[in-house]
């Protein structure tokens, strides 16, 4: 373990040729990385995100499910749909996945979606 092979660095964390470890935080200090994440996240967030119901193995139809409303309009009281989707896409780009907490009311209906920031799980 004193001299690990290159594949080990790639599997458990990026190490530059000069010995500096690269994380999502240090990568975001790079203008190029920040700009790429911003452009991709904004582009995906601007796309429509309809919700469909599967009718049979080959068919589908648009549905008026509550999740569709939240994803298209306002997922929670503090975020617009654009901001929510932009945040989720940035999480995917930086950490490889995104998660949202589903908030229910007393009747069991979905009332909000809250992004969850789970850093440190891959380290």
PDB file of N, CA and C in Angstrom:
ATOM      1  N   UNK A   1       0.806  -1.197   0.000  1.00  0.00           N
ATOM      2  CA  UNK A   1       0.000   0.000   0.000  1.00  0.00           C
ATOM      3  C   UNK A   1       0.851   1.262   0.000  1.00  0.00           C
ATOM      4  N   UNK A   2       2.166   1.133   0.127  1.00  0.00           N
ATOM      5  CA  UNK A   2       3.005   2.333   0.093  1.00  0.00           C
ATOM      6  C   UNK A   2       3.027   2.961  -1.291  1.00  0.00           C
ATOM      7  N   UNK A   3       3.004   2.161  -2.330  1.00  0.00           N
ATOM      8  CA  UNK A   3       3.014   2.652  -3.701  1.00  0.00           C
ATOM      9  C   UNK A   3       1.844   2.050  -4.480  1.00  0.00           C
ATOM     10  N   UNK A   4       0.634   2.540  -4.262  1.00  0.00           N
ATOM     11  CA  UNK A   4      -0.518   1.957  -4.955  1.00  0.00           C
ATOM     12  C   UNK A   4      -0.466   2.211  -6.458  1.00  0.00           C
ATOM     13  N   UNK A   5      -1.067   1.309  -7.173  1.00  0.00           N
ATOM     14  CA  UNK A   5      -1.108   1.423  -8.625  1.00  0.00           C
ATOM     15  C   UNK A   5      -2.072   2.543  -9.037  1.00  0.00           C
ATOM     16  N   UNK A   6      -1.945   2.954 -10.280  1.00  0.00           N
ATOM     17  CA  UNK A   6      -2.773   4.043 -10.813  1.00  0.00           C
ATOM     18  C   UNK A   6      -4.256   3.714 -10.744  1.00  0.00           C
ATOM     19  N   UNK A   7      -4.635   2.446 -10.980  1.00  0.00           N
ATOM     20  CA  UNK A   7      -6.049   2.072 -10.977  1.00  0.00           C
ATOM     21  C   UNK A   7      -6.672   2.304  -9.610  1.00  0.00           C
ATOM     22  N   UNK A   8      -5.900   2.164  -8.549  1.00  0.00           N
ATOM     23  CA  UNK A   8      -6.445   2.353  -7.213  1.00  0.00           C
ATOM     24  C   UNK A   8      -6.825   3.817  -6.980  1.00  0.00           C
ATOM     25  N   UNK A   9      -5.981   4.727  -7.490  1.00  0.00           N
ATOM     26  CA  UNK A   9      -6.305   6.152  -7.370  1.00  0.00           C
ATOM     27  C   UNK A   9      -7.586   6.482  -8.128  1.00  0.00           C
ATOM     28  N   UNK A  10      -7.720   5.895  -9.306  1.00  0.00           N
ATOM     29  CA  UNK A  10      -8.910   6.165 -10.112  1.00  0.00           C
ATOM     30  C   UNK A  10     -10.163   5.593  -9.458  1.00  0.00           C
ATOM     31  N   UNK A  11     -10.042   4.457  -8.790  1.00  0.00           N
ATOM     32  CA  UNK A  11     -11.202   3.815  -8.175  1.00  0.00           C
ATOM     33  C   UNK A  11     -11.646   4.505  -6.893  1.00  0.00           C
ATOM     34  N   UNK A  12     -10.703   5.011  -6.103  1.00  0.00           N
ATOM     35  CA  UNK A  12     -11.050   5.543  -4.789  1.00  0.00           C
ATOM     36  C   UNK A  12     -10.870   7.045  -4.641  1.00  0.00           C
ATOM     37  N   UNK A  13     -10.497   7.730  -5.684  1.00  0.00           N
ATOM     38  CA  UNK A  13     -10.315   9.172  -5.623  1.00  0.00           C
ATOM     39  C   UNK A  13      -9.267   9.584  -6.617  1.00  0.00           C
ATOM     40  N   UNK A  14      -9.527  10.683  -7.287  1.00  0.00           N
ATOM     41  CA  UNK A  14      -8.616  11.135  -8.326  1.00  0.00           C
ATOM     42  C   UNK A  14      -7.403  11.799  -7.703  1.00  0.00           C
ATOM     43  N   UNK A  15      -6.252  11.389  -8.146  1.00  0.00           N
ATOM     44  CA  UNK A  15      -4.995  11.972  -7.687  1.00  0.00           C
ATOM     45  C   UNK A  15      -4.271  12.497  -8.913  1.00  0.00           C
ATOM     46  N   UNK A  16      -3.921  13.774  -8.900  1.00  0.00           N
ATOM     47  CA  UNK A  16      -3.250  14.353 -10.054  1.00  0.00           C
ATOM     48  C   UNK A  16      -1.807  13.879 -10.104  1.00  0.00           C
ATOM     49  N   UNK A  17      -1.129  14.179 -11.199  1.00  0.00           N
ATOM     50  CA  UNK A  17       0.268  13.800 -11.355  1.00  0.00           C
ATOM     51  C   UNK A  17       1.173  14.459 -10.331  1.00  0.00           C
ATOM     52  N   UNK A  18       0.718  15.541  -9.738  1.00  0.00           N
ATOM     53  CA  UNK A  18       1.519  16.240  -8.741  1.00  0.00           C
ATOM     54  C   UNK A  18       1.153  15.850  -7.308  1.00  0.00           C
ATOM     55  N   UNK A  19       0.270  14.892  -7.157  1.00  0.00           N
ATOM     56  CA  UNK A  19      -0.058  14.396  -5.828  1.00  0.00           C
ATOM     57  C   UNK A  19      -1.232  15.079  -5.155  1.00  0.00           C
ATOM     58  N   UNK A  20      -1.929  15.970  -5.829  1.00  0.00           N
ATOM     59  CA  UNK A  20      -3.083  16.656  -5.233  1.00  0.00           C
ATOM     60  C   UNK A  20      -4.339  15.825  -5.453  1.00  0.00           C
ATOM     61  N   UNK A  21      -5.122  15.661  -4.432  1.00  0.00           N
ATOM     62  CA  UNK A  21      -6.383  14.946  -4.546  1.00  0.00           C
ATOM     63  C   UNK A  21      -7.460  15.883  -5.078  1.00  0.00           C
ATOM     64  N   UNK A  22      -8.237  15.418  -6.036  1.00  0.00           N
ATOM     65  CA  UNK A  22      -9.293  16.227  -6.636  1.00  0.00           C
ATOM     66  C   UNK A  22     -10.636  15.738  -6.117  1.00  0.00           C
ATOM     67  N   UNK A  23     -11.404  16.635  -5.524  1.00  0.00           N
ATOM     68  CA  UNK A  23     -12.755  16.344  -5.052  1.00  0.00           C
ATOM     69  C   UNK A  23     -13.716  17.254  -5.792  1.00  0.00           C
ATOM     70  N   UNK A  24     -15.021  17.072  -5.559  1.00  0.00           N
ATOM     71  CA  UNK A  24     -15.992  17.954  -6.201  1.00  0.00           C
ATOM     72  C   UNK A  24     -15.807  19.401  -5.757  1.00  0.00           C
ATOM     73  N   UNK A  25     -15.400  19.618  -4.524  1.00  0.00           N
ATOM     74  CA  UNK A  25     -15.183  20.979  -4.031  1.00  0.00           C
ATOM     75  C   UNK A  25     -13.996  21.641  -4.717  1.00  0.00           C
ATOM     76  N   UNK A  26     -12.898  20.909  -4.837  1.00  0.00           N
ATOM     77  CA  UNK A  26     -11.728  21.497  -5.490  1.00  0.00           C
ATOM     78  C   UNK A  26     -11.958  21.624  -6.996  1.00  0.00           C
ATOM     79  N   UNK A  27     -12.693  20.703  -7.580  1.00  0.00           N
ATOM     80  CA  UNK A  27     -12.977  20.782  -9.015  1.00  0.00           C
ATOM     81  C   UNK A  27     -13.841  21.997  -9.331  1.00  0.00           C
ATOM     82  N   UNK A  28     -14.780  22.331  -8.448  1.00  0.00           N
ATOM     83  CA  UNK A  28     -15.660  23.471  -8.689  1.00  0.00           C
ATOM     84  C   UNK A  28     -14.918  24.803  -8.597  1.00  0.00           C
ATOM     85  N   UNK A  29     -13.700  24.803  -8.093  1.00  0.00           N
ATOM     86  CA  UNK A  29     -12.884  26.020  -8.093  1.00  0.00           C
ATOM     87  C   UNK A  29     -12.316  26.314  -9.472  1.00  0.00           C
ATOM     88  N   UNK A  30     -12.356  25.319 -10.332  1.00  0.00           N
ATOM     89  CA  UNK A  30     -11.896  25.482 -11.710  1.00  0.00           C
ATOM     90  C   UNK A  30     -13.022  26.129 -12.520  1.00  0.00           C
ATOM     91  N   UNK A  31     -12.688  27.187 -13.228  1.00  0.00           N
ATOM     92  CA  UNK A  31     -13.683  27.882 -14.045  1.00  0.00           C
ATOM     93  C   UNK A  31     -14.263  26.966 -15.108  1.00  0.00           C
ATOM     94  N   UNK A  32     -13.447  26.109 -15.677  1.00  0.00           N
ATOM     95  CA  UNK A  32     -13.908  25.201 -16.724  1.00  0.00           C
ATOM     96  C   UNK A  32     -14.936  24.219 -16.175  1.00  0.00           C
ATOM     97  N   UNK A  33     -14.662  23.622 -15.030  1.00  0.00           N
ATOM     98  CA  UNK A  33     -15.596  22.665 -14.420  1.00  0.00           C
ATOM     99  C   UNK A  33     -16.883  23.378 -14.022  1.00  0.00           C
ATOM    100  N   UNK A  34     -16.763  24.513 -13.358  1.00  0.00           N
ATOM    101  CA  UNK A  34     -17.927  25.282 -12.924  1.00  0.00           C
ATOM    102  C   UNK A  34     -18.812  25.647 -14.113  1.00  0.00           C
ATOM    103  N   UNK A  35     -18.202  26.094 -15.200  1.00  0.00           N
ATOM    104  CA  UNK A  35     -18.963  26.479 -16.389  1.00  0.00           C
ATOM    105  C   UNK A  35     -19.644  25.282 -17.025  1.00  0.00           C
ATOM    106  N   UNK A  36     -18.956  24.154 -17.118  1.00  0.00           N
ATOM    107  CA  UNK A  36     -19.559  22.944 -17.690  1.00  0.00           C
ATOM    108  C   UNK A  36     -20.749  22.475 -16.866  1.00  0.00           C
ATOM    109  N   UNK A  37     -20.594  22.429 -15.555  1.00  0.00           N
ATOM    110  CA  UNK A  37     -21.692  22.012 -14.678  1.00  0.00           C
ATOM    111  C   UNK A  37     -22.863  22.972 -14.822  1.00  0.00           C
ATOM    112  N   UNK A  38     -22.592  24.273 -14.838  1.00  0.00           N
ATOM    113  CA  UNK A  38     -23.654  25.268 -14.947  1.00  0.00           C
ATOM    114  C   UNK A  38     -24.403  25.126 -16.270  1.00  0.00           C
ATOM    115  N   UNK A  39     -23.670  25.007 -17.386  1.00  0.00           N
ATOM    116  CA  UNK A  39     -24.311  24.907 -18.704  1.00  0.00           C
ATOM    117  C   UNK A  39     -25.160  23.644 -18.801  1.00  0.00           C
ATOM    118  N   UNK A  40     -24.612  22.514 -18.385  1.00  0.00           N
ATOM    119  CA  UNK A  40     -25.381  21.258 -18.455  1.00  0.00           C
ATOM    120  C   UNK A  40     -26.598  21.284 -17.529  1.00  0.00           C
ATOM    121  N   UNK A  41     -26.412  21.761 -16.292  1.00  0.00           N
ATOM    122  CA  UNK A  41     -27.522  21.791 -15.331  1.00  0.00           C
ATOM    123  C   UNK A  41     -28.626  22.730 -15.796  1.00  0.00           C
ATOM    124  N   UNK A  42     -28.269  23.900 -16.306  1.00  0.00           N
ATOM    125  CA  UNK A  42     -29.282  24.842 -16.789  1.00  0.00           C
ATOM    126  C   UNK A  42     -29.997  24.313 -18.021  1.00  0.00           C
ATOM    127  N   UNK A  43     -29.269  23.647 -18.896  1.00  0.00           N
ATOM    128  CA  UNK A  43     -29.876  23.098 -20.108  1.00  0.00           C
ATOM    129  C   UNK A  43     -30.904  22.029 -19.776  1.00  0.00           C
ATOM    130  N   UNK A  44     -30.538  21.109 -18.905  1.00  0.00           N
ATOM    131  CA  UNK A  44     -31.466  20.041 -18.518  1.00  0.00           C
ATOM    132  C   UNK A  44     -32.654  20.615 -17.746  1.00  0.00           C
ATOM    133  N   UNK A  45     -32.398  21.597 -16.875  1.00  0.00           N
ATOM    134  CA  UNK A  45     -33.475  22.190 -16.077  1.00  0.00           C
ATOM    135  C   UNK A  45     -34.495  22.920 -16.937  1.00  0.00           C
ATOM    136  N   UNK A  46     -34.077  23.410 -18.100  1.00  0.00           N
ATOM    137  CA  UNK A  46     -34.995  24.158 -18.956  1.00  0.00           C
ATOM    138  C   UNK A  46     -35.908  23.252 -19.785  1.00  0.00           C
ATOM    139  N   UNK A  47     -35.620  21.969 -19.826  1.00  0.00           N
ATOM    140  CA  UNK A  47     -36.441  21.037 -20.601  1.00  0.00           C
ATOM    141  C   UNK A  47     -37.732  20.699 -19.867  1.00  0.00           C
ATOM    142  N   UNK A  48     -38.806  20.445 -20.597  1.00  0.00           N
ATOM    143  CA  UNK A  48     -40.045  20.014 -19.936  1.00  0.00           C
ATOM    144  C   UNK A  48     -39.858  18.627 -19.321  1.00  0.00           C
ATOM    145  N   UNK A  49     -40.572  18.362 -18.260  1.00  0.00           N
ATOM    146  CA  UNK A  49     -40.433  17.078 -17.569  1.00  0.00           C
ATOM    147  C   UNK A  49     -41.821  16.508 -17.291  1.00  0.00           C
ATOM    148  N   UNK A  50     -42.491  16.032 -18.344  1.00  0.00           N
ATOM    149  CA  UNK A  50     -43.833  15.477 -18.142  1.00  0.00           C
ATOM    150  C   UNK A  50     -43.782  14.114 -17.456  1.00  0.00           C
ATOM    151  N   UNK A  51     -44.868  13.755 -16.805  1.00  0.00           N
ATOM    152  CA  UNK A  51     -44.990  12.460 -16.142  1.00  0.00           C
ATOM    153  C   UNK A  51     -45.998  11.633 -16.933  1.00  0.00           C
ATOM    154  N   UNK A  52     -45.618  10.402 -17.231  1.00  0.00           N
ATOM    155  CA  UNK A  52     -46.467   9.515 -18.025  1.00  0.00           C
ATOM    156  C   UNK A  52     -46.936   8.332 -17.206  1.00  0.00           C
ATOM    157  N   UNK A  53     -48.066   7.776 -17.617  1.00  0.00           N
ATOM    158  CA  UNK A  53     -48.600   6.549 -17.031  1.00  0.00           C
ATOM    159  C   UNK A  53     -48.511   5.466 -18.100  1.00  0.00           C
ATOM    160  N   UNK A  54     -47.962   4.312 -17.714  1.00  0.00           N
ATOM    161  CA  UNK A  54     -47.840   3.213 -18.659  1.00  0.00           C
ATOM    162  C   UNK A  54     -49.202   2.531 -18.795  1.00  0.00           C
ATOM    163  N   UNK A  55     -49.667   2.415 -20.034  1.00  0.00           N
ATOM    164  CA  UNK A  55     -50.947   1.783 -20.311  1.00  0.00           C
ATOM    165  C   UNK A  55     -50.790   0.288 -20.528  1.00  0.00           C
ATOM    166  N   UNK A  56     -49.803  -0.077 -21.287  1.00  0.00           N
ATOM    167  CA  UNK A  56     -49.465  -1.473 -21.565  1.00  0.00           C
ATOM    168  C   UNK A  56     -47.986  -1.503 -21.912  1.00  0.00           C
ATOM    169  N   UNK A  57     -47.433  -2.636 -22.218  1.00  0.00           N
ATOM    170  CA  UNK A  57     -45.990  -2.674 -22.500  1.00  0.00           C
ATOM    171  C   UNK A  57     -45.539  -1.745 -23.624  1.00  0.00           C
ATOM    172  N   UNK A  58     -46.436  -1.343 -24.511  1.00  0.00           N
ATOM    173  CA  UNK A  58     -46.028  -0.504 -25.637  1.00  0.00           C
ATOM    174  C   UNK A  58     -46.668   0.870 -25.647  1.00  0.00           C
ATOM    175  N   UNK A  59     -47.470   1.191 -24.660  1.00  0.00           N
ATOM    176  CA  UNK A  59     -48.166   2.462 -24.702  1.00  0.00           C
ATOM    177  C   UNK A  59     -48.049   3.266 -23.415  1.00  0.00           C
ATOM    178  N   UNK A  60     -48.252   4.564 -23.538  1.00  0.00           N
ATOM    179  CA  UNK A  60     -48.211   5.442 -22.373  1.00  0.00           C
ATOM    180  C   UNK A  60     -49.079   6.660 -22.656  1.00  0.00           C
ATOM    181  N   UNK A  61     -49.474   7.324 -21.592  1.00  0.00           N
ATOM    182  CA  UNK A  61     -50.228   8.565 -21.739  1.00  0.00           C
ATOM    183  C   UNK A  61     -49.815   9.523 -20.636  1.00  0.00           C
ATOM    184  N   UNK A  62     -49.922  10.800 -20.921  1.00  0.00           N
ATOM    185  CA  UNK A  62     -49.601  11.806 -19.912  1.00  0.00           C
ATOM    186  C   UNK A  62     -50.599  11.709 -18.778  1.00  0.00           C
ATOM    187  N   UNK A  63     -50.104  11.956 -17.574  1.00  0.00           N
ATOM    188  CA  UNK A  63     -50.969  11.874 -16.408  1.00  0.00           C
ATOM    189  C   UNK A  63     -50.935  13.195 -15.644  1.00  0.00           C
ATOM    190  N   UNK A  64     -51.917  13.405 -14.811  1.00  0.00           N
ATOM    191  CA  UNK A  64     -51.987  14.615 -13.990  1.00  0.00           C
ATOM    192  C   UNK A  64     -51.616  14.301 -12.548  1.00  0.00           C
ATOM    193  N   UNK A  65     -50.689  13.389 -12.367  1.00  0.00           N
ATOM    194  CA  UNK A  65     -50.242  12.997 -11.030  1.00  0.00           C
ATOM    195  C   UNK A  65     -49.613  14.185 -10.318  1.00  0.00           C
ATOM    196  N   UNK A  66     -49.707  14.203  -9.017  1.00  0.00           N
ATOM    197  CA  UNK A  66     -49.175  15.303  -8.197  1.00  0.00           C
ATOM    198  C   UNK A  66     -47.668  15.506  -8.409  1.00  0.00           C
ATOM    199  N   UNK A  67     -46.927  14.451  -8.607  1.00  0.00           N
ATOM    200  CA  UNK A  67     -45.486  14.568  -8.833  1.00  0.00           C
ATOM    201  C   UNK A  67     -45.211  15.364 -10.109  1.00  0.00           C
ATOM    202  N   UNK A  68     -46.027  15.170 -11.124  1.00  0.00           N
ATOM    203  CA  UNK A  68     -45.875  15.940 -12.354  1.00  0.00           C
ATOM    204  C   UNK A  68     -46.035  17.428 -12.114  1.00  0.00           C
ATOM    205  N   UNK A  69     -47.012  17.781 -11.315  1.00  0.00           N
ATOM    206  CA  UNK A  69     -47.213  19.191 -10.967  1.00  0.00           C
ATOM    207  C   UNK A  69     -46.004  19.740 -10.221  1.00  0.00           C
ATOM    208  N   UNK A  70     -45.507  18.990  -9.255  1.00  0.00           N
ATOM    209  CA  UNK A  70     -44.362  19.450  -8.471  1.00  0.00           C
ATOM    210  C   UNK A  70     -43.121  19.620  -9.351  1.00  0.00           C
ATOM    211  N   UNK A  71     -42.870  18.679 -10.236  1.00  0.00           N
ATOM    212  CA  UNK A  71     -41.687  18.751 -11.098  1.00  0.00           C
ATOM    213  C   UNK A  71     -41.785  19.862 -12.135  1.00  0.00           C
ATOM    214  N   UNK A  72     -42.995  20.183 -12.575  1.00  0.00           N
ATOM    215  CA  UNK A  72     -43.178  21.207 -13.599  1.00  0.00           C
ATOM    216  C   UNK A  72     -43.358  22.613 -13.039  1.00  0.00           C
ATOM    217  N   UNK A  73     -43.854  22.747 -11.801  1.00  0.00           N
ATOM    218  CA  UNK A  73     -44.206  24.066 -11.290  1.00  0.00           C
ATOM    219  C   UNK A  73     -43.407  24.500 -10.069  1.00  0.00           C
ATOM    220  N   UNK A  74     -43.628  23.837  -8.955  1.00  0.00           N
ATOM    221  CA  UNK A  74     -42.908  24.218  -7.734  1.00  0.00           C
ATOM    222  C   UNK A  74     -42.802  23.004  -6.813  1.00  0.00           C
ATOM    223  N   UNK A  75     -41.600  22.403  -6.746  1.00  0.00           N
ATOM    224  CA  UNK A  75     -41.433  21.193  -5.951  1.00  0.00           C
ATOM    225  C   UNK A  75     -41.517  21.414  -4.448  1.00  0.00           C
ATOM    226  N   UNK A  76     -41.199  22.626  -3.999  1.00  0.00           N
ATOM    227  CA  UNK A  76     -41.302  22.952  -2.570  1.00  0.00           C
ATOM    228  C   UNK A  76     -41.446  24.466  -2.440  1.00  0.00           C
ATOM    229  N   UNK A  77     -41.820  24.963  -1.269  1.00  0.00           N
ATOM    230  CA  UNK A  77     -42.071  26.406  -1.123  1.00  0.00           C
ATOM    231  C   UNK A  77     -40.840  27.297  -1.318  1.00  0.00           C
ATOM    232  N   UNK A  78     -39.651  26.744  -1.281  1.00  0.00           N
ATOM    233  CA  UNK A  78     -38.434  27.561  -1.377  1.00  0.00           C
ATOM    234  C   UNK A  78     -37.752  27.521  -2.740  1.00  0.00           C
ATOM    235  N   UNK A  79     -38.235  26.703  -3.651  1.00  0.00           N
ATOM    236  CA  UNK A  79     -37.551  26.544  -4.938  1.00  0.00           C
ATOM    237  C   UNK A  79     -38.545  26.564  -6.084  1.00  0.00           C
ATOM    238  N   UNK A  80     -38.076  27.093  -7.210  1.00  0.00           N
ATOM    239  CA  UNK A  80     -38.848  26.942  -8.439  1.00  0.00           C
ATOM    240  C   UNK A  80     -38.521  25.576  -9.031  1.00  0.00           C
ATOM    241  N   UNK A  81     -39.314  25.157  -9.997  1.00  0.00           N
ATOM    242  CA  UNK A  81     -39.052  23.871 -10.650  1.00  0.00           C
ATOM    243  C   UNK A  81     -37.698  23.909 -11.362  1.00  0.00           C
ATOM    244  N   UNK A  82     -37.382  25.042 -11.978  1.00  0.00           N
ATOM    245  CA  UNK A  82     -36.105  25.181 -12.670  1.00  0.00           C
ATOM    246  C   UNK A  82     -34.944  25.018 -11.694  1.00  0.00           C
ATOM    247  N   UNK A  83     -35.001  25.710 -10.568  1.00  0.00           N
ATOM    248  CA  UNK A  83     -33.928  25.635  -9.574  1.00  0.00           C
ATOM    249  C   UNK A  83     -33.775  24.217  -9.027  1.00  0.00           C
ATOM    250  N   UNK A  84     -34.901  23.556  -8.762  1.00  0.00           N
ATOM    251  CA  UNK A  84     -34.872  22.184  -8.249  1.00  0.00           C
ATOM    252  C   UNK A  84     -34.191  21.251  -9.248  1.00  0.00           C
ATOM    253  N   UNK A  85     -34.617  21.302 -10.510  1.00  0.00           N
ATOM    254  CA  UNK A  85     -34.046  20.417 -11.526  1.00  0.00           C
ATOM    255  C   UNK A  85     -32.584  20.761 -11.809  1.00  0.00           C
ATOM    256  N   UNK A  86     -32.243  22.042 -11.756  1.00  0.00           N
ATOM    257  CA  UNK A  86     -30.858  22.464 -11.944  1.00  0.00           C
ATOM    258  C   UNK A  86     -29.979  21.920 -10.815  1.00  0.00           C
ATOM    259  N   UNK A  87     -30.471  22.003  -9.589  1.00  0.00           N
ATOM    260  CA  UNK A  87     -29.745  21.482  -8.432  1.00  0.00           C
ATOM    261  C   UNK A  87     -29.558  19.978  -8.537  1.00  0.00           C
ATOM    262  N   UNK A  88     -30.603  19.271  -8.903  1.00  0.00           N
ATOM    263  CA  UNK A  88     -30.523  17.817  -9.018  1.00  0.00           C
ATOM    264  C   UNK A  88     -29.531  17.406 -10.114  1.00  0.00           C
ATOM    265  N   UNK A  89     -29.528  18.130 -11.222  1.00  0.00           N
ATOM    266  CA  UNK A  89     -28.590  17.815 -12.300  1.00  0.00           C
ATOM    267  C   UNK A  89     -27.159  18.102 -11.874  1.00  0.00           C
ATOM    268  N   UNK A  90     -26.942  19.181 -11.134  1.00  0.00           N
ATOM    269  CA  UNK A  90     -25.595  19.479 -10.635  1.00  0.00           C
ATOM    270  C   UNK A  90     -25.117  18.378  -9.699  1.00  0.00           C
ATOM    271  N   UNK A  91     -26.017  17.836  -8.875  1.00  0.00           N
ATOM    272  CA  UNK A  91     -25.649  16.730  -7.990  1.00  0.00           C
ATOM    273  C   UNK A  91     -25.254  15.505  -8.803  1.00  0.00           C
ATOM    274  N   UNK A  92     -25.983  15.243  -9.860  1.00  0.00           N
ATOM    275  CA  UNK A  92     -25.651  14.102 -10.720  1.00  0.00           C
ATOM    276  C   UNK A  92     -24.271  14.292 -11.342  1.00  0.00           C
ATOM    277  N   UNK A  93     -24.008  15.486 -11.825  1.00  0.00           N
ATOM    278  CA  UNK A  93     -22.732  15.745 -12.486  1.00  0.00           C
ATOM    279  C   UNK A  93     -21.554  15.691 -11.524  1.00  0.00           C
ATOM    280  N   UNK A  94     -21.753  16.151 -10.303  1.00  0.00           N
ATOM    281  CA  UNK A  94     -20.636  16.213  -9.356  1.00  0.00           C
ATOM    282  C   UNK A  94     -20.467  14.955  -8.511  1.00  0.00           C
ATOM    283  N   UNK A  95     -21.569  14.313  -8.156  1.00  0.00           N
ATOM    284  CA  UNK A  95     -21.485  13.162  -7.256  1.00  0.00           C
ATOM    285  C   UNK A  95     -22.012  11.867  -7.861  1.00  0.00           C
ATOM    286  N   UNK A  96     -22.538  11.933  -9.084  1.00  0.00           N
ATOM    287  CA  UNK A  96     -22.965  10.714  -9.763  1.00  0.00           C
ATOM    288  C   UNK A  96     -24.385  10.296  -9.487  1.00  0.00           C
ATOM    289  N   UNK A  97     -25.097  11.013  -8.614  1.00  0.00           N
ATOM    290  CA  UNK A  97     -26.477  10.665  -8.305  1.00  0.00           C
ATOM    291  C   UNK A  97     -27.140  11.847  -7.629  1.00  0.00           C
ATOM    292  N   UNK A  98     -28.460  11.814  -7.569  1.00  0.00           N
ATOM    293  CA  UNK A  98     -29.179  12.856  -6.842  1.00  0.00           C
ATOM    294  C   UNK A  98     -30.331  12.202  -6.080  1.00  0.00           C
ATOM    295  N   UNK A  99     -30.674  12.821  -4.958  1.00  0.00           N
ATOM    296  CA  UNK A  99     -31.729  12.293  -4.101  1.00  0.00           C
ATOM    297  C   UNK A  99     -32.639  13.424  -3.672  1.00  0.00           C
ATOM    298  N   UNK A 100     -33.911  13.113  -3.494  1.00  0.00           N
ATOM    299  CA  UNK A 100     -34.869  14.083  -2.994  1.00  0.00           C
ATOM    300  C   UNK A 100     -35.727  13.418  -1.928  1.00  0.00           C
ATOM    301  N   UNK A 101     -35.965  14.159  -0.867  1.00  0.00           N
ATOM    302  CA  UNK A 101     -36.876  13.692   0.174  1.00  0.00           C
ATOM    303  C   UNK A 101     -38.300  14.022  -0.261  1.00  0.00           C
ATOM    304  N   UNK A 102     -39.192  13.068  -0.110  1.00  0.00           N
ATOM    305  CA  UNK A 102     -40.597  13.275  -0.449  1.00  0.00           C
ATOM    306  C   UNK A 102     -41.329  13.657   0.831  1.00  0.00           C
ATOM    307  N   UNK A 103     -41.978  14.813   0.820  1.00  0.00           N
ATOM    308  CA  UNK A 103     -42.748  15.269   1.982  1.00  0.00           C
ATOM    309  C   UNK A 103     -44.231  14.959   1.738  1.00  0.00           C
ATOM    310  N   UNK A 104     -44.846  14.311   2.714  1.00  0.00           N
ATOM    311  CA  UNK A 104     -46.256  13.944   2.631  1.00  0.00           C
ATOM    312  C   UNK A 104     -47.070  14.764   3.620  1.00  0.00           C
ATOM    313  N   UNK A 105     -48.358  14.966   3.304  1.00  0.00           N
ATOM    314  CA  UNK A 105     -49.247  15.585   4.278  1.00  0.00           C
ATOM    315  C   UNK A 105     -49.898  14.486   5.117  1.00  0.00           C
ATOM    316  N   UNK A 106     -50.774  14.861   6.005  1.00  0.00           N
ATOM    317  CA  UNK A 106     -51.402  13.883   6.903  1.00  0.00           C
ATOM    318  C   UNK A 106     -52.280  12.882   6.162  1.00  0.00           C
ATOM    319  N   UNK A 107     -52.760  13.263   4.986  1.00  0.00           N
ATOM    320  CA  UNK A 107     -53.590  12.356   4.191  1.00  0.00           C
ATOM    321  C   UNK A 107     -52.757  11.405   3.343  1.00  0.00           C
ATOM    322  N   UNK A 108     -51.435  11.546   3.387  1.00  0.00           N
ATOM    323  CA  UNK A 108     -50.567  10.673   2.615  1.00  0.00           C
ATOM    324  C   UNK A 108     -50.309  11.155   1.206  1.00  0.00           C
ATOM    325  N   UNK A 109     -50.706  12.387   0.892  1.00  0.00           N
ATOM    326  CA  UNK A 109     -50.465  12.957  -0.434  1.00  0.00           C
ATOM    327  C   UNK A 109     -49.094  13.626  -0.472  1.00  0.00           C
ATOM    328  N   UNK A 110     -48.451  13.556  -1.610  1.00  0.00           N
ATOM    329  CA  UNK A 110     -47.151  14.198  -1.776  1.00  0.00           C
ATOM    330  C   UNK A 110     -47.358  15.705  -1.874  1.00  0.00           C
ATOM    331  N   UNK A 111     -46.653  16.461  -1.024  1.00  0.00           N
ATOM    332  CA  UNK A 111     -46.799  17.920  -1.032  1.00  0.00           C
ATOM    333  C   UNK A 111     -45.516  18.641  -1.435  1.00  0.00           C
ATOM    334  N   UNK A 112     -44.366  17.994  -1.332  1.00  0.00           N
ATOM    335  CA  UNK A 112     -43.125  18.671  -1.688  1.00  0.00           C
ATOM    336  C   UNK A 112     -42.004  17.674  -1.946  1.00  0.00           C
ATOM    337  N   UNK A 113     -41.036  18.124  -2.722  1.00  0.00           N
ATOM    338  CA  UNK A 113     -39.809  17.376  -2.975  1.00  0.00           C
ATOM    339  C   UNK A 113     -38.646  18.270  -2.551  1.00  0.00           C
ATOM    340  N   UNK A 114     -37.768  17.749  -1.702  1.00  0.00           N
ATOM    341  CA  UNK A 114     -36.632  18.510  -1.180  1.00  0.00           C
ATOM    342  C   UNK A 114     -35.339  17.829  -1.570  1.00  0.00           C
ATOM    343  N   UNK A 115     -34.433  18.530  -2.268  1.00  0.00           N
ATOM    344  CA  UNK A 115     -33.151  17.907  -2.619  1.00  0.00           C
ATOM    345  C   UNK A 115     -32.345  17.584  -1.377  1.00  0.00           C
ATOM    346  N   UNK A 116     -31.663  16.463  -1.416  1.00  0.00           N
ATOM    347  CA  UNK A 116     -30.809  16.034  -0.304  1.00  0.00           C
ATOM    348  C   UNK A 116     -29.379  16.065  -0.793  1.00  0.00           C
ATOM    349  N   UNK A 117     -28.531  16.729  -0.050  1.00  0.00           N
ATOM    350  CA  UNK A 117     -27.108  16.841  -0.394  1.00  0.00           C
ATOM    351  C   UNK A 117     -26.344  15.782   0.396  1.00  0.00           C
ATOM    352  N   UNK A 118     -25.938  14.704  -0.274  1.00  0.00           N
ATOM    353  CA  UNK A 118     -25.282  13.588   0.385  1.00  0.00           C
ATOM    354  C   UNK A 118     -23.825  13.499  -0.032  1.00  0.00           C
ATOM    355  N   UNK A 119     -22.998  14.390   0.431  1.00  0.00           N
ATOM    356  CA  UNK A 119     -21.576  14.280   0.123  1.00  0.00           C
ATOM    357  C   UNK A 119     -20.921  13.379   1.136  1.00  0.00           C
ATOM    358  N   UNK A 120     -19.800  12.859   0.763  1.00  0.00           N
ATOM    359  CA  UNK A 120     -19.045  12.018   1.690  1.00  0.00           C
ATOM    360  C   UNK A 120     -19.403  10.548   1.640  1.00  0.00           C
ATOM    361  N   UNK A 121     -20.437  10.181   0.899  1.00  0.00           N
ATOM    362  CA  UNK A 121     -20.806   8.765   0.828  1.00  0.00           C
ATOM    363  C   UNK A 121     -19.834   7.981  -0.048  1.00  0.00           C
ATOM    364  N   UNK A 122     -19.286   8.639  -1.065  1.00  0.00           N
ATOM    365  CA  UNK A 122     -18.392   7.956  -1.989  1.00  0.00           C
ATOM    366  C   UNK A 122     -16.937   8.000  -1.547  1.00  0.00           C
ATOM    367  N   UNK A 123     -16.659   8.643  -0.429  1.00  0.00           N
ATOM    368  CA  UNK A 123     -15.273   8.745  -0.009  1.00  0.00           C
ATOM    369  C   UNK A 123     -14.923   7.714   1.022  1.00  0.00           C
TER     370      UNK A 123
END
